[in-house]
Amino acid sequence: MSSLPLIVEPAELLPLLGESNTPLIVDLSSEANYRRGHIPGAVHVPPQMLLCNRPPAPGRIAPVEQLNRLFTYLGLTPDTHVIVYDDEGGGWAGRFIWTLDMIGHSRYSYLNGGLHAWLSAELPVTSEVEDPQSKPIEVEISPKRLVEIPDILAGLESDSIQILDARSPAEYSGEKVLTQKAGHIPGAINVEWTELMDRHNSLRIRADASDYLASRGITGAKRIVTHCQSHHRSGFTYLVGKSLGFDIDAYHGSWSEWGNHPDTPVEV
């Protein structure tokens, strides 16, 4: 499956279903949507399994023990190619791909448009709950790959990074307040995550994403760090950046951490 690209279309996945070398298909939709109908062979993963779920920054990466349980359940091996999708246009799917990056697993693809695109193409679904072939695995989170507050402060000081804020304009401006401090990281560029989806093409990544981001000042000339409130919405902007070949990372503490920290600078 190493020949599969980062972004795959439903028509590319369909012929792989039921084959001996079928990739591991991970569904991050709501449980109700998964039970209503999912891609045959897809295993459901509740998105909360990817999070630490502890305040003030519940969106930080899950503890390694939790990830070991998850990836043991999925039967992940170094050779496993994962195809991931969700029912919302790519936020949770992107977060899953980011998690794979954090444990050094690089064999993965995103089903463009996710469940919306699959259903729009009238491809087969099943309500049968899939039981994966579990295999014990112990993963390691690379601390060098995790972006933390000191990394952002140093990058801002050296002008070596660009912050892509995937929250809503109201959150970015400080009009909508969800933390002790309102506003945004100094110099951050606001691109609300759904702006990068094509609403007229089953929520696929918009074909002109590169030009659109360039029009907002994000060209890939600098290392990009993306975030939102809890690194859910920014899972999608991270994924889009990777698909465009950008040098992109994600700040997993996101605004829930930054906006509640006493020593972080804020602009409004």
Foldseek 3Di string as FASTA:
>chain_A
DQPDDQEDEPVVLVVLPPDPQRAAEEEQEPPVVLLVWDDPNYAYDDLLLQFCCDPLFGLFGHPQVSVQVVCLQQADDLPGAYEYAYQPQFLSVLSVCLVCVQQPRDRYHYHFLGPLNCVVVVHHIDSDHDGHDGHGDGTDGDPVQADEPVNVVVCVVVVQEEEEEQEDPCQQCQVDDDEQAGHAAPRHFYDHLQNQFDPVNSRGGDPCSQVVVVVSPDNLPHEYEYAYQASRSVSRVQSVCVVVVHNYGYHRSGCSNQRHDPPGDHDD
